């Protein structure tokens, strides 16, 4: 299953290495690192996250035909 892992680089509970390891353990997963982000989702990251989700869930042109 295609997976997008989103992880903040400044998460105090789960360091970035946790997100990297998770993405590495899921075949084909993509990791999006939010620089300086902690535990929450900040308004400043909304556009980046939304764009990544749209790209991740987009149906390839070939599949639409």
C-alpha atoms as a PDB file:
ATOM      1  CA  UNK A   1       0.000   0.000   0.000  1.00  0.00           C
ATOM      2  CA  UNK A   2       1.483   3.378  -0.946  1.00  0.00           C
ATOM      3  CA  UNK A   3       2.387   5.211   2.240  1.00  0.00           C
ATOM      4  CA  UNK A   4       3.362   8.800   2.991  1.00  0.00           C
ATOM      5  CA  UNK A   5       5.135   9.222   6.325  1.00  0.00           C
ATOM      6  CA  UNK A   6       5.102  12.801   7.623  1.00  0.00           C
ATOM      7  CA  UNK A   7       7.462  13.559  10.492  1.00  0.00           C
ATOM      8  CA  UNK A   8       8.745  16.699  12.173  1.00  0.00           C
ATOM      9  CA  UNK A   9      12.492  17.123  12.515  1.00  0.00           C
ATOM     10  CA  UNK A  10      12.113  18.576  16.029  1.00  0.00           C
ATOM     11  CA  UNK A  11       9.651  16.059  17.507  1.00  0.00           C
ATOM     12  CA  UNK A  12      10.631  15.771  21.194  1.00  0.00           C
ATOM     13  CA  UNK A  13       8.849  12.430  21.784  1.00  0.00           C
ATOM     14  CA  UNK A  14       9.816  10.551  18.633  1.00  0.00           C
ATOM     15  CA  UNK A  15      13.068  11.720  17.040  1.00  0.00           C
ATOM     16  CA  UNK A  16      13.276  11.996  13.263  1.00  0.00           C
ATOM     17  CA  UNK A  17      15.063   8.648  13.134  1.00  0.00           C
ATOM     18  CA  UNK A  18      11.756   7.003  14.083  1.00  0.00           C
ATOM     19  CA  UNK A  19      10.082   8.478  10.986  1.00  0.00           C
ATOM     20  CA  UNK A  20      13.008   7.466   8.795  1.00  0.00           C
ATOM     21  CA  UNK A  21      12.934   3.919  10.132  1.00  0.00           C
ATOM     22  CA  UNK A  22       9.182   3.662   9.628  1.00  0.00           C
ATOM     23  CA  UNK A  23       9.475   4.831   6.018  1.00  0.00           C
ATOM     24  CA  UNK A  24      12.337   2.394   5.383  1.00  0.00           C
ATOM     25  CA  UNK A  25      10.321  -0.535   6.776  1.00  0.00           C
ATOM     26  CA  UNK A  26       7.333   0.084   4.492  1.00  0.00           C
ATOM     27  CA  UNK A  27       8.151  -0.909   0.909  1.00  0.00           C
ATOM     28  CA  UNK A  28       7.838   2.068  -1.427  1.00  0.00           C
ATOM     29  CA  UNK A  29       7.009   4.534   1.357  1.00  0.00           C
ATOM     30  CA  UNK A  30       7.901   8.185   0.976  1.00  0.00           C
ATOM     31  CA  UNK A  31       9.112  10.337   3.867  1.00  0.00           C
ATOM     32  CA  UNK A  32       8.210  14.002   4.144  1.00  0.00           C
ATOM     33  CA  UNK A  33      10.301  15.749   6.797  1.00  0.00           C
ATOM     34  CA  UNK A  34       8.869  18.981   8.166  1.00  0.00           C
ATOM     35  CA  UNK A  35      11.893  21.024   9.182  1.00  0.00           C
ATOM     36  CA  UNK A  36      11.725  22.451  12.721  1.00  0.00           C
ATOM     37  CA  UNK A  37       8.288  20.879  13.300  1.00  0.00           C
ATOM     38  CA  UNK A  38       7.500  19.251  16.619  1.00  0.00           C
ATOM     39  CA  UNK A  39       4.496  17.157  17.697  1.00  0.00           C
ATOM     40  CA  UNK A  40       1.713  19.243  16.207  1.00  0.00           C
ATOM     41  CA  UNK A  41       0.778  20.355  12.730  1.00  0.00           C
ATOM     42  CA  UNK A  42       1.493  24.044  12.401  1.00  0.00           C
ATOM     43  CA  UNK A  43      -0.408  26.344  10.053  1.00  0.00           C
ATOM     44  CA  UNK A  44       2.899  27.195   8.336  1.00  0.00           C
ATOM     45  CA  UNK A  45       3.143  23.543   7.204  1.00  0.00           C
ATOM     46  CA  UNK A  46      -0.421  23.124   5.941  1.00  0.00           C
ATOM     47  CA  UNK A  47       0.367  23.958   2.329  1.00  0.00           C
ATOM     48  CA  UNK A  48       3.382  21.634   2.248  1.00  0.00           C
ATOM     49  CA  UNK A  49       1.392  18.796   3.785  1.00  0.00           C
ATOM     50  CA  UNK A  50      -1.640  19.326   1.541  1.00  0.00           C
ATOM     51  CA  UNK A  51       0.550  19.392  -1.573  1.00  0.00           C
ATOM     52  CA  UNK A  52       2.322  16.190  -0.506  1.00  0.00           C
ATOM     53  CA  UNK A  53      -0.993  14.418   0.162  1.00  0.00           C
ATOM     54  CA  UNK A  54      -2.425  15.536  -3.192  1.00  0.00           C
ATOM     55  CA  UNK A  55       0.676  14.297  -5.020  1.00  0.00           C
ATOM     56  CA  UNK A  56       0.641  11.068  -3.050  1.00  0.00           C
ATOM     57  CA  UNK A  57      -3.026  10.303  -3.765  1.00  0.00           C
ATOM     58  CA  UNK A  58      -3.153  11.541  -7.367  1.00  0.00           C
ATOM     59  CA  UNK A  59      -4.204   8.977  -9.916  1.00  0.00           C
ATOM     60  CA  UNK A  60      -1.583   8.654 -12.662  1.00  0.00           C
ATOM     61  CA  UNK A  61      -2.807   9.837 -16.065  1.00  0.00           C
ATOM     62  CA  UNK A  62      -2.424   6.316 -17.516  1.00  0.00           C
ATOM     63  CA  UNK A  63      -4.753   4.884 -14.835  1.00  0.00           C
ATOM     64  CA  UNK A  64      -7.538   7.365 -15.671  1.00  0.00           C
ATOM     65  CA  UNK A  65      -7.926   6.251 -19.278  1.00  0.00           C
END
